[in-house]
Structure formats: structure tokens, C-alpha cells
PDB file of all heavy atoms in Angstrom:
ATOM      1  N   PHE A   1      71.318 -95.937-163.784  1.00  0.00           N
ATOM      2  CA  PHE A   1      69.999 -95.460-164.224  1.00  0.00           C
ATOM      3  C   PHE A   1      69.509 -96.267-165.432  1.00  0.00           C
ATOM      4  O   PHE A   1      68.326 -96.636-165.499  1.00  0.00           O
ATOM      5  CB  PHE A   1      70.064 -93.973-164.575  1.00  0.00           C
ATOM      6  CG  PHE A   1      68.754 -93.413-165.044  1.00  0.00           C
ATOM      7  CD1 PHE A   1      67.748 -93.097-164.136  1.00  0.00           C
ATOM      8  CD2 PHE A   1      68.505 -93.232-166.402  1.00  0.00           C
ATOM      9  CE1 PHE A   1      66.521 -92.609-164.578  1.00  0.00           C
ATOM     10  CE2 PHE A   1      67.288 -92.739-166.849  1.00  0.00           C
ATOM     11  CZ  PHE A   1      66.292 -92.427-165.932  1.00  0.00           C
ATOM     12  N   ALA A   2      70.411 -96.554-166.376  1.00  0.00           N
ATOM     13  CA  ALA A   2      70.017 -97.312-167.566  1.00  0.00           C
ATOM     14  C   ALA A   2      69.552 -98.715-167.204  1.00  0.00           C
ATOM     15  O   ALA A   2      68.616 -99.253-167.805  1.00  0.00           O
ATOM     16  CB  ALA A   2      71.191 -97.379-168.552  1.00  0.00           C
ATOM     17  N   MET A   3      70.158 -99.310-166.188  1.00  0.00           N
ATOM     18  CA  MET A   3      69.813-100.672-165.797  1.00  0.00           C
ATOM     19  C   MET A   3      68.544-100.731-164.960  1.00  0.00           C
ATOM     20  O   MET A   3      67.726-101.650-165.094  1.00  0.00           O
ATOM     21  CB  MET A   3      70.981-101.312-165.030  1.00  0.00           C
ATOM     22  CG  MET A   3      70.735-102.748-164.591  1.00  0.00           C
ATOM     23  SD  MET A   3      72.190-103.517-163.798  1.00  0.00           S
ATOM     24  CE  MET A   3      73.266-103.735-165.220  1.00  0.00           C
ATOM     25  N   HIS A   4      68.348 -99.730-164.084  1.00  0.00           N
ATOM     26  CA  HIS A   4      67.281 -99.825-163.085  1.00  0.00           C
ATOM     27  C   HIS A   4      66.163 -98.795-163.256  1.00  0.00           C
ATOM     28  O   HIS A   4      65.139 -98.896-162.569  1.00  0.00           O
ATOM     29  CB  HIS A   4      67.879 -99.704-161.677  1.00  0.00           C
ATOM     30  CG  HIS A   4      68.924-100.730-161.384  1.00  0.00           C
ATOM     31  ND1 HIS A   4      68.637-102.068-161.235  1.00  0.00           N
ATOM     32  CD2 HIS A   4      70.275-100.615-161.226  1.00  0.00           C
ATOM     33  CE1 HIS A   4      69.764-102.741-160.989  1.00  0.00           C
ATOM     34  NE2 HIS A   4      70.762-101.873-160.977  1.00  0.00           N
ATOM     35  N   GLY A   5      66.358 -97.802-164.110  1.00  0.00           N
ATOM     36  CA  GLY A   5      65.300 -96.821-164.348  1.00  0.00           C
ATOM     37  C   GLY A   5      65.124 -95.807-163.239  1.00  0.00           C
ATOM     38  O   GLY A   5      64.166 -95.039-163.237  1.00  0.00           O
ATOM     39  N   VAL A   6      66.028 -95.803-162.266  1.00  0.00           N
ATOM     40  CA  VAL A   6      66.033 -94.817-161.189  1.00  0.00           C
ATOM     41  C   VAL A   6      67.479 -94.418-160.940  1.00  0.00           C
ATOM     42  O   VAL A   6      68.412 -95.151-161.281  1.00  0.00           O
ATOM     43  CB  VAL A   6      65.415 -95.359-159.879  1.00  0.00           C
ATOM     44  CG1 VAL A   6      63.922 -95.570-160.017  1.00  0.00           C
ATOM     45  CG2 VAL A   6      66.106 -96.653-159.459  1.00  0.00           C
ATOM     46  N   THR A   7      67.683 -93.262-160.330  1.00  0.00           N
ATOM     47  CA  THR A   7      69.038 -92.822-160.040  1.00  0.00           C
ATOM     48  C   THR A   7      69.512 -93.362-158.697  1.00  0.00           C
ATOM     49  O   THR A   7      68.703 -93.732-157.834  1.00  0.00           O
ATOM     50  CB  THR A   7      69.122 -91.285-160.010  1.00  0.00           C
ATOM     51  OG1 THR A   7      68.339 -90.806-158.896  1.00  0.00           O
ATOM     52  CG2 THR A   7      68.601 -90.681-161.305  1.00  0.00           C
ATOM     53  N   LEU A   8      70.816 -93.386-158.512  1.00  0.00           N
ATOM     54  CA  LEU A   8      71.371 -93.743-157.214  1.00  0.00           C
ATOM     55  C   LEU A   8      70.855 -92.805-156.133  1.00  0.00           C
ATOM     56  O   LEU A   8      70.570 -93.223-155.010  1.00  0.00           O
ATOM     57  CB  LEU A   8      72.901 -93.674-157.267  1.00  0.00           C
ATOM     58  CG  LEU A   8      73.645 -94.931-157.711  1.00  0.00           C
ATOM     59  CD1 LEU A   8      75.108 -94.600-157.988  1.00  0.00           C
ATOM     60  CD2 LEU A   8      73.540 -96.024-156.656  1.00  0.00           C
ATOM     61  N   GLU A   9      70.707 -91.539-156.488  1.00  0.00           N
ATOM     62  CA  GLU A   9      70.233 -90.548-155.530  1.00  0.00           C
ATOM     63  C   GLU A   9      68.813 -90.859-155.095  1.00  0.00           C
ATOM     64  O   GLU A   9      68.471 -90.748-153.913  1.00  0.00           O
ATOM     65  CB  GLU A   9      70.314 -89.152-156.150  1.00  0.00           C
ATOM     66  CG  GLU A   9      70.134 -88.017-155.167  1.00  0.00           C
ATOM     67  CD  GLU A   9      71.254 -87.950-154.142  1.00  0.00           C
ATOM     68  OE1 GLU A   9      72.406 -88.259-154.498  1.00  0.00           O
ATOM     69  OE2 GLU A   9      70.960 -87.610-152.982  1.00  0.00           O
ATOM     70  N   ASN A  10      67.971 -91.262-156.064  1.00  0.00           N
ATOM     71  CA  ASN A  10      66.580 -91.606-155.734  1.00  0.00           C
ATOM     72  C   ASN A  10      66.514 -92.759-154.736  1.00  0.00           C
ATOM     73  O   ASN A  10      65.675 -92.754-153.825  1.00  0.00           O
ATOM     74  CB  ASN A  10      65.806 -92.010-156.992  1.00  0.00           C
ATOM     75  CG  ASN A  10      65.534 -90.848-157.928  1.00  0.00           C
ATOM     76  OD1 ASN A  10      65.420 -91.028-159.135  1.00  0.00           O
ATOM     77  ND2 ASN A  10      65.436 -89.629-157.392  1.00  0.00           N
ATOM     78  N   VAL A  11      67.383 -93.748-154.907  1.00  0.00           N
ATOM     79  CA  VAL A  11      67.303 -94.965-154.097  1.00  0.00           C
ATOM     80  C   VAL A  11      68.057 -94.822-152.783  1.00  0.00           C
ATOM     81  O   VAL A  11      67.570 -95.226-151.721  1.00  0.00           O
ATOM     82  CB  VAL A  11      67.862 -96.174-154.885  1.00  0.00           C
ATOM     83  CG1 VAL A  11      67.739 -97.461-154.050  1.00  0.00           C
ATOM     84  CG2 VAL A  11      67.133 -96.340-156.214  1.00  0.00           C
ATOM     85  N   TYR A  12      69.251 -94.247-152.829  1.00  0.00           N
ATOM     86  CA  TYR A  12      70.136 -94.281-151.660  1.00  0.00           C
ATOM     87  C   TYR A  12      70.556 -92.897-151.168  1.00  0.00           C
ATOM     88  O   TYR A  12      71.439 -92.792-150.314  1.00  0.00           O
ATOM     89  CB  TYR A  12      71.411 -95.079-151.990  1.00  0.00           C
ATOM     90  CG  TYR A  12      71.153 -96.530-152.286  1.00  0.00           C
ATOM     91  CD1 TYR A  12      71.284 -97.038-153.569  1.00  0.00           C
ATOM     92  CD2 TYR A  12      70.768 -97.402-151.269  1.00  0.00           C
ATOM     93  CE1 TYR A  12      71.051 -98.384-153.843  1.00  0.00           C
ATOM     94  CE2 TYR A  12      70.532 -98.747-151.525  1.00  0.00           C
ATOM     95  CZ  TYR A  12      70.673 -99.232-152.821  1.00  0.00           C
ATOM     96  OH  TYR A  12      70.433-100.553-153.085  1.00  0.00           O
ATOM     97  N   GLY A  13      69.922 -91.851-151.687  1.00  0.00           N
ATOM     98  CA  GLY A  13      70.370 -90.490-151.399  1.00  0.00           C
ATOM     99  C   GLY A  13      70.667 -90.205-149.945  1.00  0.00           C
ATOM    100  O   GLY A  13      71.763 -89.771-149.580  1.00  0.00           O
ATOM    101  N   GLU A  14      69.700 -90.450-149.065  1.00  0.00           N
ATOM    102  CA  GLU A  14      69.882 -90.144-147.645  1.00  0.00           C
ATOM    103  C   GLU A  14      70.982 -90.996-147.021  1.00  0.00           C
ATOM    104  O   GLU A  14      71.772 -90.529-146.201  1.00  0.00           O
ATOM    105  CB  GLU A  14      68.566 -90.352-146.882  1.00  0.00           C
ATOM    106  CG  GLU A  14      67.544 -89.253-147.091  1.00  0.00           C
ATOM    107  CD  GLU A  14      68.076 -87.884-146.647  1.00  0.00           C
ATOM    108  OE1 GLU A  14      68.654 -87.804-145.549  1.00  0.00           O
ATOM    109  OE2 GLU A  14      67.916 -86.924-147.416  1.00  0.00           O
ATOM    110  N   LYS A  15      71.033 -92.277-147.418  1.00  0.00           N
ATOM    111  CA  LYS A  15      72.002 -93.187-146.829  1.00  0.00           C
ATOM    112  C   LYS A  15      73.426 -92.926-147.334  1.00  0.00           C
ATOM    113  O   LYS A  15      74.392 -93.376-146.714  1.00  0.00           O
ATOM    114  CB  LYS A  15      71.605 -94.636-147.121  1.00  0.00           C
ATOM    115  CG  LYS A  15      70.311 -95.052-146.425  1.00  0.00           C
ATOM    116  CD  LYS A  15      69.981 -96.497-146.723  1.00  0.00           C
ATOM    117  CE  LYS A  15      68.704 -96.936-145.996  1.00  0.00           C
ATOM    118  NZ  LYS A  15      68.366 -98.343-146.271  1.00  0.00           N
ATOM    119  N   LEU A  16      73.554 -92.216-148.461  1.00  0.00           N
ATOM    120  CA  LEU A  16      74.879 -91.915-148.999  1.00  0.00           C
ATOM    121  C   LEU A  16      75.522 -90.716-148.307  1.00  0.00           C
ATOM    122  O   LEU A  16      76.743 -90.551-148.347  1.00  0.00           O
ATOM    123  CB  LEU A  16      74.792 -91.636-150.510  1.00  0.00           C
ATOM    124  CG  LEU A  16      74.435 -92.821-151.404  1.00  0.00           C
ATOM    125  CD1 LEU A  16      74.269 -92.350-152.847  1.00  0.00           C
ATOM    126  CD2 LEU A  16      75.511 -93.902-151.343  1.00  0.00           C
ATOM    127  N   LYS A  17      74.702 -89.884-147.672  1.00  0.00           N
ATOM    128  CA  LYS A  17      75.219 -88.625-147.133  1.00  0.00           C
ATOM    129  C   LYS A  17      76.321 -88.843-146.104  1.00  0.00           C
ATOM    130  O   LYS A  17      77.376 -88.209-146.150  1.00  0.00           O
ATOM    131  CB  LYS A  17      74.079 -87.811-146.514  1.00  0.00           C
ATOM    132  CG  LYS A  17      73.158 -87.159-147.541  1.00  0.00           C
ATOM    133  CD  LYS A  17      72.069 -86.335-146.858  1.00  0.00           C
ATOM    134  CE  LYS A  17      71.174 -85.688-147.904  1.00  0.00           C
ATOM    135  NZ  LYS A  17      70.084 -84.894-147.266  1.00  0.00           N
ATOM    136  N   LYS A  18      76.090 -89.753-145.159  1.00  0.00           N
ATOM    137  CA  LYS A  18      77.055 -89.951-144.084  1.00  0.00           C
ATOM    138  C   LYS A  18      78.410 -90.451-144.596  1.00  0.00           C
ATOM    139  O   LYS A  18      79.453 -89.852-144.292  1.00  0.00           O
ATOM    140  CB  LYS A  18      76.484 -90.899-143.032  1.00  0.00           C
ATOM    141  CG  LYS A  18      77.410 -91.110-141.839  1.00  0.00           C
ATOM    142  CD  LYS A  18      76.786 -92.062-140.829  1.00  0.00           C
ATOM    143  CE  LYS A  18      77.745 -92.341-139.678  1.00  0.00           C
ATOM    144  NZ  LYS A  18      77.180 -93.329-138.708  1.00  0.00           N
ATOM    145  N   PRO A  19      78.454 -91.570-145.403  1.00  0.00           N
ATOM    146  CA  PRO A  19      79.771 -92.024-145.889  1.00  0.00           C
ATOM    147  C   PRO A  19      80.440 -91.011-146.815  1.00  0.00           C
ATOM    148  O   PRO A  19      81.669 -90.946-146.865  1.00  0.00           O
ATOM    149  CB  PRO A  19      79.468 -93.340-146.596  1.00  0.00           C
ATOM    150  CG  PRO A  19      78.000 -93.348-146.835  1.00  0.00           C
ATOM    151  CD  PRO A  19      77.389 -92.529-145.756  1.00  0.00           C
ATOM    152  N   LEU A  20      79.650 -90.202-147.537  1.00  0.00           N
ATOM    153  CA  LEU A  20      80.252 -89.147-148.362  1.00  0.00           C
ATOM    154  C   LEU A  20      80.891 -88.083-147.471  1.00  0.00           C
ATOM    155  O   LEU A  20      82.023 -87.634-147.723  1.00  0.00           O
ATOM    156  CB  LEU A  20      79.203 -88.524-149.287  1.00  0.00           C
ATOM    157  CG  LEU A  20      78.795 -89.351-150.512  1.00  0.00           C
ATOM    158  CD1 LEU A  20      77.529 -88.782-151.146  1.00  0.00           C
ATOM    159  CD2 LEU A  20      79.923 -89.397-151.539  1.00  0.00           C
ATOM    160  N   GLN A  21      80.180 -87.679-146.412  1.00  0.00           N
ATOM    161  CA  GLN A  21      80.708 -86.670-145.500  1.00  0.00           C
ATOM    162  C   GLN A  21      81.932 -87.179-144.744  1.00  0.00           C
ATOM    163  O   GLN A  21      82.851 -86.411-144.442  1.00  0.00           O
ATOM    164  CB  GLN A  21      79.621 -86.239-144.511  1.00  0.00           C
ATOM    165  CG  GLN A  21      78.495 -85.427-145.145  1.00  0.00           C
ATOM    166  CD  GLN A  21      77.311 -85.254-144.208  1.00  0.00           C
ATOM    167  OE1 GLN A  21      77.253 -85.842-143.126  1.00  0.00           O
ATOM    168  NE2 GLN A  21      76.339 -84.430-144.629  1.00  0.00           N
ATOM    169  N   GLU A  22      81.958 -88.485-144.445  1.00  0.00           N
ATOM    170  CA  GLU A  22      83.085 -89.064-143.702  1.00  0.00           C
ATOM    171  C   GLU A  22      84.284 -89.358-144.591  1.00  0.00           C
ATOM    172  O   GLU A  22      85.329 -89.791-144.109  1.00  0.00           O
ATOM    173  CB  GLU A  22      82.639 -90.362-143.018  1.00  0.00           C
ATOM    174  CG  GLU A  22      81.622 -90.156-141.894  1.00  0.00           C
ATOM    175  CD  GLU A  22      81.167 -91.481-141.302  1.00  0.00           C
ATOM    176  OE1 GLU A  22      81.360 -92.537-141.958  1.00  0.00           O
ATOM    177  OE2 GLU A  22      80.629 -91.471-140.185  1.00  0.00           O
ATOM    178  N   GLY A  23      84.137 -89.127-145.884  1.00  0.00           N
ATOM    179  CA  GLY A  23      85.242 -89.392-146.796  1.00  0.00           C
ATOM    180  C   GLY A  23      85.451 -90.859-147.113  1.00  0.00           C
ATOM    181  O   GLY A  23      86.532 -91.267-147.543  1.00  0.00           O
ATOM    182  N   LEU A  24      84.409 -91.666-146.928  1.00  0.00           N
ATOM    183  CA  LEU A  24      84.485 -93.093-147.244  1.00  0.00           C
ATOM    184  C   LEU A  24      84.013 -93.375-148.665  1.00  0.00           C
ATOM    185  O   LEU A  24      84.413 -94.369-149.278  1.00  0.00           O
ATOM    186  CB  LEU A  24      83.647 -93.901-146.247  1.00  0.00           C
ATOM    187  CG  LEU A  24      84.000 -93.684-144.772  1.00  0.00           C
ATOM    188  CD1 LEU A  24      83.053 -94.467-143.879  1.00  0.00           C
ATOM    189  CD2 LEU A  24      85.444 -94.075-144.496  1.00  0.00           C
ATOM    190  N   LEU A  25      83.146 -92.522-149.170  1.00  0.00           N
ATOM    191  CA  LEU A  25      82.692 -92.550-150.555  1.00  0.00           C
ATOM    192  C   LEU A  25      83.005 -91.198-151.187  1.00  0.00           C
ATOM    193  O   LEU A  25      83.109 -90.181-150.493  1.00  0.00           O
ATOM    194  CB  LEU A  25      81.184 -92.799-150.640  1.00  0.00           C
ATOM    195  CG  LEU A  25      80.632 -94.191-150.338  1.00  0.00           C
ATOM    196  CD1 LEU A  25      79.106 -94.154-150.323  1.00  0.00           C
ATOM    197  CD2 LEU A  25      81.119 -95.213-151.357  1.00  0.00           C
ATOM    198  N   CYS A  26      83.135 -91.210-152.512  1.00  0.00           N
ATOM    199  CA  CYS A  26      83.264 -89.926-153.206  1.00  0.00           C
ATOM    200  C   CYS A  26      82.570 -90.035-154.561  1.00  0.00           C
ATOM    201  O   CYS A  26      82.380 -91.134-155.103  1.00  0.00           O
ATOM    202  CB  CYS A  26      84.725 -89.519-153.377  1.00  0.00           C
ATOM    203  SG  CYS A  26      85.652 -90.519-154.538  1.00  0.00           S
ATOM    204  N   ARG A  27      82.196 -88.871-155.080  1.00  0.00           N
ATOM    205  CA  ARG A  27      81.582 -88.775-156.405  1.00  0.00           C
ATOM    206  C   ARG A  27      82.540 -87.993-157.300  1.00  0.00           C
ATOM    207  O   ARG A  27      82.925 -86.876-156.985  1.00  0.00           O
ATOM    208  CB  ARG A  27      80.239 -88.062-156.320  1.00  0.00           C
ATOM    209  CG  ARG A  27      79.079 -88.969-155.962  1.00  0.00           C
ATOM    210  CD  ARG A  27      77.760 -88.245-156.175  1.00  0.00           C
ATOM    211  NE  ARG A  27      76.661 -89.166-156.275  1.00  0.00           N
ATOM    212  CZ  ARG A  27      75.586 -89.132-155.470  1.00  0.00           C
ATOM    213  NH1 ARG A  27      75.515 -88.239-154.509  1.00  0.00           N
ATOM    214  NH2 ARG A  27      74.614 -90.000-155.636  1.00  0.00           N
ATOM    215  N   GLU A  28      82.894 -88.596-158.434  1.00  0.00           N
ATOM    216  CA  GLU A  28      83.798 -87.946-159.381  1.00  0.00           C
ATOM    217  C   GLU A  28      83.437 -88.357-160.794  1.00  0.00           C
ATOM    218  O   GLU A  28      83.282 -89.554-161.088  1.00  0.00           O
ATOM    219  CB  GLU A  28      85.251 -88.347-159.122  1.00  0.00           C
ATOM    220  CG  GLU A  28      85.870 -87.786-157.860  1.00  0.00           C
ATOM    221  CD  GLU A  28      87.313 -88.231-157.677  1.00  0.00           C
ATOM    222  OE1 GLU A  28      87.686 -89.263-158.274  1.00  0.00           O
ATOM    223  OE2 GLU A  28      88.044 -87.543-156.957  1.00  0.00           O
ATOM    224  N   ASN A  29      83.287 -87.372-161.674  1.00  0.00           N
ATOM    225  CA  ASN A  29      83.111 -87.621-163.111  1.00  0.00           C
ATOM    226  C   ASN A  29      82.002 -88.626-163.416  1.00  0.00           C
ATOM    227  O   ASN A  29      82.142 -89.482-164.300  1.00  0.00           O
ATOM    228  CB  ASN A  29      84.428 -88.096-163.730  1.00  0.00           C
ATOM    229  CG  ASN A  29      85.563 -87.131-163.493  1.00  0.00           C
ATOM    230  OD1 ASN A  29      85.391 -85.910-163.619  1.00  0.00           O
ATOM    231  ND2 ASN A  29      86.731 -87.645-163.149  1.00  0.00           N
ATOM    232  N   GLY A  30      80.909 -88.549-162.663  1.00  0.00           N
ATOM    233  CA  GLY A  30      79.769 -89.421-162.928  1.00  0.00           C
ATOM    234  C   GLY A  30      79.865 -90.797-162.310  1.00  0.00           C
ATOM    235  O   GLY A  30      79.055 -91.676-162.620  1.00  0.00           O
ATOM    236  N   PHE A  31      80.848 -91.010-161.418  1.00  0.00           N
ATOM    237  CA  PHE A  31      81.016 -92.297-160.747  1.00  0.00           C
ATOM    238  C   PHE A  31      80.886 -92.112-159.241  1.00  0.00           C
ATOM    239  O   PHE A  31      81.323 -91.097-158.692  1.00  0.00           O
ATOM    240  CB  PHE A  31      82.394 -92.904-161.043  1.00  0.00           C
ATOM    241  CG  PHE A  31      82.535 -93.490-162.423  1.00  0.00           C
ATOM    242  CD1 PHE A  31      82.820 -92.676-163.512  1.00  0.00           C
ATOM    243  CD2 PHE A  31      82.386 -94.849-162.631  1.00  0.00           C
ATOM    244  CE1 PHE A  31      82.957 -93.213-164.785  1.00  0.00           C
ATOM    245  CE2 PHE A  31      82.516 -95.398-163.901  1.00  0.00           C
ATOM    246  CZ  PHE A  31      82.812 -94.575-164.982  1.00  0.00           C
ATOM    247  N   LEU A  32      80.317 -93.112-158.583  1.00  0.00           N
ATOM    248  CA  LEU A  32      80.330 -93.205-157.126  1.00  0.00           C
ATOM    249  C   LEU A  32      81.291 -94.326-156.764  1.00  0.00           C
ATOM    250  O   LEU A  32      81.138 -95.454-157.240  1.00  0.00           O
ATOM    251  CB  LEU A  32      78.936 -93.532-156.583  1.00  0.00           C
ATOM    252  CG  LEU A  32      78.850 -93.768-155.067  1.00  0.00           C
ATOM    253  CD1 LEU A  32      78.989 -92.440-154.309  1.00  0.00           C
ATOM    254  CD2 LEU A  32      77.531 -94.455-154.700  1.00  0.00           C
ATOM    255  N   ARG A  33      82.300 -94.014-155.927  1.00  0.00           N
ATOM    256  CA  ARG A  33      83.295 -95.041-155.606  1.00  0.00           C
ATOM    257  C   ARG A  33      83.728 -94.938-154.148  1.00  0.00           C
ATOM    258  O   ARG A  33      83.531 -93.907-153.492  1.00  0.00           O
ATOM    259  CB  ARG A  33      84.509 -94.921-156.517  1.00  0.00           C
ATOM    260  CG  ARG A  33      85.291 -93.627-156.352  1.00  0.00           C
ATOM    261  CD  ARG A  33      86.554 -93.629-157.207  1.00  0.00           C
ATOM    262  NE  ARG A  33      87.300 -92.403-157.046  1.00  0.00           N
ATOM    263  CZ  ARG A  33      88.145 -92.154-156.049  1.00  0.00           C
ATOM    264  NH1 ARG A  33      88.347 -93.078-155.101  1.00  0.00           N
ATOM    265  NH2 ARG A  33      88.804 -91.014-155.978  1.00  0.00           N
ATOM    266  N   LEU A  34      84.306 -96.022-153.678  1.00  0.00           N
ATOM    267  CA  LEU A  34      84.916 -96.032-152.361  1.00  0.00           C
ATOM    268  C   LEU A  34      86.235 -95.281-152.402  1.00  0.00           C
ATOM    269  O   LEU A  34      86.993 -95.381-153.377  1.00  0.00           O
ATOM    270  CB  LEU A  34      85.197 -97.462-151.905  1.00  0.00           C
ATOM    271  CG  LEU A  34      83.994 -98.347-151.544  1.00  0.00           C
ATOM    272  CD1 LEU A  34      84.460 -99.789-151.372  1.00  0.00           C
ATOM    273  CD2 LEU A  34      83.311 -97.862-150.279  1.00  0.00           C
ATOM    274  N   THR A  35      86.539 -94.541-151.349  1.00  0.00           N
ATOM    275  CA  THR A  35      87.874 -93.989-151.188  1.00  0.00           C
ATOM    276  C   THR A  35      88.776 -95.090-150.632  1.00  0.00           C
ATOM    277  O   THR A  35      88.314 -96.194-150.320  1.00  0.00           O
ATOM    278  CB  THR A  35      87.860 -92.808-150.213  1.00  0.00           C
ATOM    279  OG1 THR A  35      87.446 -93.294-148.920  1.00  0.00           O
ATOM    280  CG2 THR A  35      86.894 -91.725-150.676  1.00  0.00           C
ATOM    281  N   ARG A  36      90.073 -94.776-150.525  1.00  0.00           N
ATOM    282  CA  ARG A  36      90.981 -95.765-149.935  1.00  0.00           C
ATOM    283  C   ARG A  36      90.525 -96.130-148.522  1.00  0.00           C
ATOM    284  O   ARG A  36      90.518 -97.299-148.142  1.00  0.00           O
ATOM    285  CB  ARG A  36      92.415 -95.206-149.929  1.00  0.00           C
ATOM    286  CG  ARG A  36      93.421 -96.129-149.251  1.00  0.00           C
ATOM    287  CD  ARG A  36      93.532 -97.458-150.009  1.00  0.00           C
ATOM    288  NE  ARG A  36      94.152 -98.478-149.173  1.00  0.00           N
ATOM    289  CZ  ARG A  36      93.498 -99.312-148.387  1.00  0.00           C
ATOM    290  NH1 ARG A  36      92.172 -99.267-148.300  1.00  0.00           N
ATOM    291  NH2 ARG A  36      94.150-100.221-147.701  1.00  0.00           N
ATOM    292  N   ARG A  37      90.136 -95.141-147.718  1.00  0.00           N
ATOM    293  CA  ARG A  37      89.628 -95.428-146.370  1.00  0.00           C
ATOM    294  C   ARG A  37      88.350 -96.251-146.426  1.00  0.00           C
ATOM    295  O   ARG A  37      88.110 -97.129-145.594  1.00  0.00           O
ATOM    296  CB  ARG A  37      89.369 -94.115-145.622  1.00  0.00           C
ATOM    297  CG  ARG A  37      90.621 -93.403-145.122  1.00  0.00           C
ATOM    298  CD  ARG A  37      90.263 -92.097-144.455  1.00  0.00           C
ATOM    299  NE  ARG A  37      89.270 -92.301-143.399  1.00  0.00           N
ATOM    300  CZ  ARG A  37      88.259 -91.465-143.150  1.00  0.00           C
ATOM    301  NH1 ARG A  37      88.084 -90.380-143.896  1.00  0.00           N
ATOM    302  NH2 ARG A  37      87.426 -91.715-142.159  1.00  0.00           N
ATOM    303  N   GLY A  38      87.524 -95.961-147.410  1.00  0.00           N
ATOM    304  CA  GLY A  38      86.263 -96.674-147.539  1.00  0.00           C
ATOM    305  C   GLY A  38      86.441 -98.146-147.838  1.00  0.00           C
ATOM    306  O   GLY A  38      85.625 -98.989-147.426  1.00  0.00           O
ATOM    307  N   MET A  39      87.527 -98.495-148.556  1.00  0.00           N
ATOM    308  CA  MET A  39      87.763 -99.903-148.872  1.00  0.00           C
ATOM    309  C   MET A  39      87.955-100.735-147.606  1.00  0.00           C
ATOM    310  O   MET A  39      87.592-101.910-147.568  1.00  0.00           O
ATOM    311  CB  MET A  39      88.998-100.046-149.768  1.00  0.00           C
ATOM    312  CG  MET A  39      88.771 -99.631-151.197  1.00  0.00           C
ATOM    313  SD  MET A  39      90.231 -99.975-152.217  1.00  0.00           S
ATOM    314  CE  MET A  39      89.645 -99.376-153.807  1.00  0.00           C
ATOM    315  N   ASP A  40      88.521-100.119-146.562  1.00  0.00           N
ATOM    316  CA  ASP A  40      88.761-100.857-145.318  1.00  0.00           C
ATOM    317  C   ASP A  40      87.474-101.167-144.562  1.00  0.00           C
ATOM    318  O   ASP A  40      87.450-102.076-143.736  1.00  0.00           O
ATOM    319  CB  ASP A  40      89.696-100.058-144.399  1.00  0.00           C
ATOM    320  CG  ASP A  40      91.147-100.108-144.866  1.00  0.00           C
ATOM    321  OD1 ASP A  40      91.493-101.050-145.604  1.00  0.00           O
ATOM    322  OD2 ASP A  40      91.915 -99.212-144.503  1.00  0.00           O
ATOM    323  N   VAL A  41      86.428-100.378-144.822  1.00  0.00           N
ATOM    324  CA  VAL A  41      85.163-100.573-144.091  1.00  0.00           C
ATOM    325  C   VAL A  41      84.011-100.784-145.073  1.00  0.00           C
ATOM    326  O   VAL A  41      82.877-100.403-144.812  1.00  0.00           O
ATOM    327  CB  VAL A  41      84.877 -99.373-143.155  1.00  0.00           C
ATOM    328  CG1 VAL A  41      85.864 -99.335-142.012  1.00  0.00           C
ATOM    329  CG2 VAL A  41      84.892 -98.047-143.921  1.00  0.00           C
ATOM    330  N   GLN A  42      84.320-101.419-146.187  1.00  0.00           N
ATOM    331  CA  GLN A  42      83.309-101.615-147.225  1.00  0.00           C
ATOM    332  C   GLN A  42      82.065-102.305-146.681  1.00  0.00           C
ATOM    333  O   GLN A  42      80.935-101.914-146.983  1.00  0.00           O
ATOM    334  CB  GLN A  42      83.882-102.436-148.395  1.00  0.00           C
ATOM    335  CG  GLN A  42      82.877-102.624-149.532  1.00  0.00           C
ATOM    336  CD  GLN A  42      83.264-103.783-150.444  1.00  0.00           C
ATOM    337  OE1 GLN A  42      83.914-104.726-150.015  1.00  0.00           O
ATOM    338  NE2 GLN A  42      82.857-103.705-151.686  1.00  0.00           N
ATOM    339  N   ASN A  43      82.269-103.359-145.891  1.00  0.00           N
ATOM    340  CA  ASN A  43      81.110-104.104-145.377  1.00  0.00           C
ATOM    341  C   ASN A  43      80.196-103.218-144.529  1.00  0.00           C
ATOM    342  O   ASN A  43      78.974-103.351-144.585  1.00  0.00           O
ATOM    343  CB  ASN A  43      81.573-105.327-144.582  1.00  0.00           C
ATOM    344  CG  ASN A  43      82.144-106.410-145.468  1.00  0.00           C
ATOM    345  OD1 ASN A  43      81.903-106.426-146.668  1.00  0.00           O
ATOM    346  ND2 ASN A  43      82.923-107.300-144.890  1.00  0.00           N
ATOM    347  N   ARG A  44      80.794-102.363-143.722  1.00  0.00           N
ATOM    348  CA  ARG A  44      79.982-101.454-142.893  1.00  0.00           C
ATOM    349  C   ARG A  44      79.133-100.526-143.764  1.00  0.00           C
ATOM    350  O   ARG A  44      77.958-100.317-143.494  1.00  0.00           O
ATOM    351  CB  ARG A  44      80.895-100.616-141.988  1.00  0.00           C
ATOM    352  CG  ARG A  44      80.144 -99.867-140.911  1.00  0.00           C
ATOM    353  CD  ARG A  44      81.010 -98.787-140.282  1.00  0.00           C
ATOM    354  NE  ARG A  44      80.783 -97.501-140.944  1.00  0.00           N
ATOM    355  CZ  ARG A  44      81.533 -96.432-140.740  1.00  0.00           C
ATOM    356  NH1 ARG A  44      82.596 -96.509-139.938  1.00  0.00           N
ATOM    357  NH2 ARG A  44      81.263 -95.302-141.342  1.00  0.00           N
TER     358      ARG A  44
END
């Protein structure tokens, strides 16, 4: 947000839902990160 003036949710909210639900991404302590499974399919 400090760099771009918008939140991740504002920009990618809808597109984040699927990988979050599939356990490929997770949100913890103010960070969005890949899970171990997500690292294998990062490009996708």
C-alpha cells in the first residue's frame, strides 16, 4: 500500500480467492505468501 497507494485486495481481491481457497496462498500477520504447495505452481 505504501508503494502503490492501493491495497492488494483492491487490485487482486477476486483473483486471490481461488489460490487462497486451494491452499496455494495464505495470509498471516499482514503478509501474503505462497504455501509450500503454492511454490510448486508459482508460475500458474
